[in-house]
Amino acid sequence: MVTIAHRLSTVIDADTIVVMEAGRIRARGTHQELLTGDPLYRDLVEALRMAQVAQEGDSAPLRA
């Protein structure tokens, strides 16, 4: 199954995540592999988490 998503909760447990940039595959791996190995993915995750916190009005610290 292929899922295209912008919500972190949708993809975090996927067996393989593919990160696209400019129409090409930039990186692929598990959530943890991409967090440690791909700066773009790490930045995307952080941006999604900040947006979620802003929506919830919560200022609790974020964990990877």
N, C-alpha and C. Protein backbone atom coordinates (compact mmCIF):
# COMPACT_ATOMS: atom_id res chain seq x y z
N MET A 1 0.84 -1.16 0.00
CA MET A 1 0.00 0.00 0.00
C MET A 1 0.89 1.24 0.00
N VAL A 2 0.50 2.23 -0.74
CA VAL A 2 1.19 3.50 -0.78
C VAL A 2 0.28 4.55 -0.17
N THR A 3 0.83 5.33 0.75
CA THR A 3 0.08 6.41 1.38
C THR A 3 0.85 7.70 1.19
N ILE A 4 0.19 8.72 0.74
CA ILE A 4 0.79 10.05 0.63
C ILE A 4 0.20 10.87 1.76
N ALA A 5 1.09 11.42 2.60
CA ALA A 5 0.57 12.11 3.78
C ALA A 5 1.44 13.29 4.18
N HIS A 6 0.80 14.22 4.86
CA HIS A 6 1.51 15.34 5.46
C HIS A 6 1.41 15.30 6.97
N ARG A 7 0.62 14.39 7.50
CA ARG A 7 0.48 14.24 8.95
C ARG A 7 1.50 13.23 9.44
N LEU A 8 2.26 13.64 10.42
CA LEU A 8 3.29 12.77 10.98
C LEU A 8 2.69 11.49 11.55
N SER A 9 1.56 11.59 12.21
CA SER A 9 0.94 10.41 12.81
C SER A 9 0.56 9.36 11.78
N THR A 10 0.36 9.78 10.53
CA THR A 10 -0.01 8.85 9.47
C THR A 10 1.17 7.98 9.03
N VAL A 11 2.38 8.52 9.08
CA VAL A 11 3.53 7.81 8.53
C VAL A 11 4.52 7.29 9.55
N ILE A 12 4.45 7.73 10.79
CA ILE A 12 5.49 7.44 11.77
C ILE A 12 5.74 5.93 11.96
N ASP A 13 4.72 5.11 11.84
CA ASP A 13 4.88 3.67 12.05
C ASP A 13 5.01 2.87 10.75
N ALA A 14 5.16 3.56 9.64
CA ALA A 14 5.28 2.86 8.34
C ALA A 14 6.58 2.06 8.29
N ASP A 15 6.55 0.97 7.56
CA ASP A 15 7.76 0.15 7.37
C ASP A 15 8.82 0.92 6.60
N THR A 16 8.40 1.66 5.59
CA THR A 16 9.32 2.46 4.78
C THR A 16 8.68 3.79 4.46
N ILE A 17 9.41 4.86 4.69
CA ILE A 17 8.98 6.21 4.35
C ILE A 17 9.89 6.68 3.23
N VAL A 18 9.31 7.27 2.21
CA VAL A 18 10.07 7.81 1.08
C VAL A 18 9.94 9.33 1.13
N VAL A 19 11.07 10.02 1.17
CA VAL A 19 11.09 11.48 1.19
C VAL A 19 11.38 11.95 -0.22
N MET A 20 10.47 12.78 -0.74
CA MET A 20 10.61 13.32 -2.09
C MET A 20 11.06 14.77 -2.03
N GLU A 21 11.87 15.17 -3.01
CA GLU A 21 12.28 16.56 -3.15
C GLU A 21 12.46 16.84 -4.63
N ALA A 22 11.79 17.87 -5.11
CA ALA A 22 11.87 18.26 -6.52
C ALA A 22 11.55 17.08 -7.45
N GLY A 23 10.55 16.28 -7.06
CA GLY A 23 10.11 15.18 -7.91
C GLY A 23 11.00 13.96 -7.90
N ARG A 24 11.98 13.93 -7.02
CA ARG A 24 12.90 12.78 -6.95
C ARG A 24 12.94 12.23 -5.53
N ILE A 25 13.29 10.95 -5.44
CA ILE A 25 13.45 10.34 -4.12
C ILE A 25 14.75 10.86 -3.52
N ARG A 26 14.61 11.49 -2.37
CA ARG A 26 15.76 12.03 -1.66
C ARG A 26 16.30 11.02 -0.64
N ALA A 27 15.39 10.34 0.06
CA ALA A 27 15.79 9.39 1.10
C ALA A 27 14.66 8.41 1.32
N ARG A 28 15.00 7.27 1.90
CA ARG A 28 13.98 6.29 2.29
C ARG A 28 14.48 5.53 3.50
N GLY A 29 13.55 5.13 4.34
CA GLY A 29 13.89 4.39 5.55
C GLY A 29 12.74 4.46 6.54
N THR A 30 13.01 4.01 7.75
CA THR A 30 12.02 4.11 8.82
C THR A 30 12.05 5.52 9.37
N HIS A 31 11.08 5.84 10.18
CA HIS A 31 11.03 7.16 10.81
C HIS A 31 12.34 7.44 11.55
N GLN A 32 12.78 6.52 12.36
CA GLN A 32 14.00 6.72 13.15
C GLN A 32 15.23 6.85 12.25
N GLU A 33 15.33 6.03 11.23
CA GLU A 33 16.47 6.12 10.30
C GLU A 33 16.52 7.49 9.62
N LEU A 34 15.36 7.98 9.22
CA LEU A 34 15.32 9.26 8.55
C LEU A 34 15.59 10.42 9.51
N LEU A 35 15.12 10.30 10.74
CA LEU A 35 15.41 11.34 11.73
C LEU A 35 16.91 11.51 11.93
N THR A 36 17.61 10.40 11.97
CA THR A 36 19.05 10.47 12.21
C THR A 36 19.86 10.70 10.94
N GLY A 37 19.29 10.37 9.77
CA GLY A 37 20.10 10.40 8.57
C GLY A 37 19.74 11.42 7.50
N ASP A 38 18.60 12.12 7.65
CA ASP A 38 18.22 13.05 6.59
C ASP A 38 17.76 14.38 7.19
N PRO A 39 18.54 15.44 6.98
CA PRO A 39 18.19 16.74 7.56
C PRO A 39 16.84 17.29 7.09
N LEU A 40 16.48 17.08 5.84
CA LEU A 40 15.19 17.57 5.34
C LEU A 40 14.05 16.90 6.09
N TYR A 41 14.10 15.59 6.24
CA TYR A 41 13.05 14.86 6.97
C TYR A 41 12.97 15.36 8.41
N ARG A 42 14.12 15.51 9.04
CA ARG A 42 14.16 15.99 10.42
C ARG A 42 13.51 17.37 10.53
N ASP A 43 13.81 18.27 9.57
CA ASP A 43 13.20 19.60 9.57
C ASP A 43 11.69 19.53 9.34
N LEU A 44 11.25 18.64 8.46
CA LEU A 44 9.82 18.47 8.20
C LEU A 44 9.09 17.99 9.46
N VAL A 45 9.69 17.02 10.14
CA VAL A 45 9.09 16.49 11.37
C VAL A 45 8.99 17.59 12.41
N GLU A 46 10.04 18.35 12.59
CA GLU A 46 10.03 19.43 13.57
C GLU A 46 8.96 20.48 13.21
N ALA A 47 8.84 20.83 11.95
CA ALA A 47 7.84 21.80 11.52
C ALA A 47 6.43 21.27 11.78
N LEU A 48 6.20 19.99 11.50
CA LEU A 48 4.88 19.40 11.74
C LEU A 48 4.56 19.38 13.23
N ARG A 49 5.56 19.09 14.04
CA ARG A 49 5.33 19.07 15.49
C ARG A 49 5.05 20.47 16.03
N MET A 50 5.77 21.46 15.53
CA MET A 50 5.53 22.84 15.97
C MET A 50 4.13 23.28 15.58
N ALA A 51 3.69 22.91 14.39
CA ALA A 51 2.34 23.26 13.94
C ALA A 51 1.30 22.59 14.82
N GLN A 52 1.53 21.36 15.19
CA GLN A 52 0.59 20.63 16.03
C GLN A 52 0.51 21.27 17.41
N VAL A 53 1.65 21.64 17.97
CA VAL A 53 1.67 22.28 19.28
C VAL A 53 0.93 23.62 19.22
N ALA A 54 1.15 24.37 18.16
CA ALA A 54 0.48 25.66 18.00
C ALA A 54 -1.04 25.48 17.93
N GLN A 55 -1.48 24.45 17.24
CA GLN A 55 -2.92 24.19 17.13
C GLN A 55 -3.52 23.79 18.48
N GLU A 56 -2.74 23.05 19.25
CA GLU A 56 -3.23 22.56 20.55
C GLU A 56 -3.06 23.62 21.64
N GLY A 57 -2.24 24.64 21.38
CA GLY A 57 -1.98 25.64 22.38
C GLY A 57 -1.12 25.13 23.51
N ASP A 58 -0.35 24.09 23.24
CA ASP A 58 0.50 23.43 24.23
C ASP A 58 1.94 23.83 24.00
N SER A 59 2.67 24.09 25.06
CA SER A 59 4.09 24.43 24.92
C SER A 59 4.96 23.34 25.53
N ALA A 60 4.46 22.13 25.63
CA ALA A 60 5.22 21.02 26.19
C ALA A 60 6.40 20.69 25.29
N PRO A 61 7.52 20.22 25.87
CA PRO A 61 8.68 19.85 25.06
C PRO A 61 8.36 18.71 24.10
N LEU A 62 9.03 18.70 22.97
CA LEU A 62 8.81 17.69 21.93
C LEU A 62 9.87 16.61 22.02
N ARG A 63 9.46 15.38 21.72
CA ARG A 63 10.41 14.26 21.72
C ARG A 63 10.41 13.61 20.36
N ALA A 64 11.59 13.09 19.96
CA ALA A 64 11.72 12.38 18.69
C ALA A 64 11.36 10.93 18.88
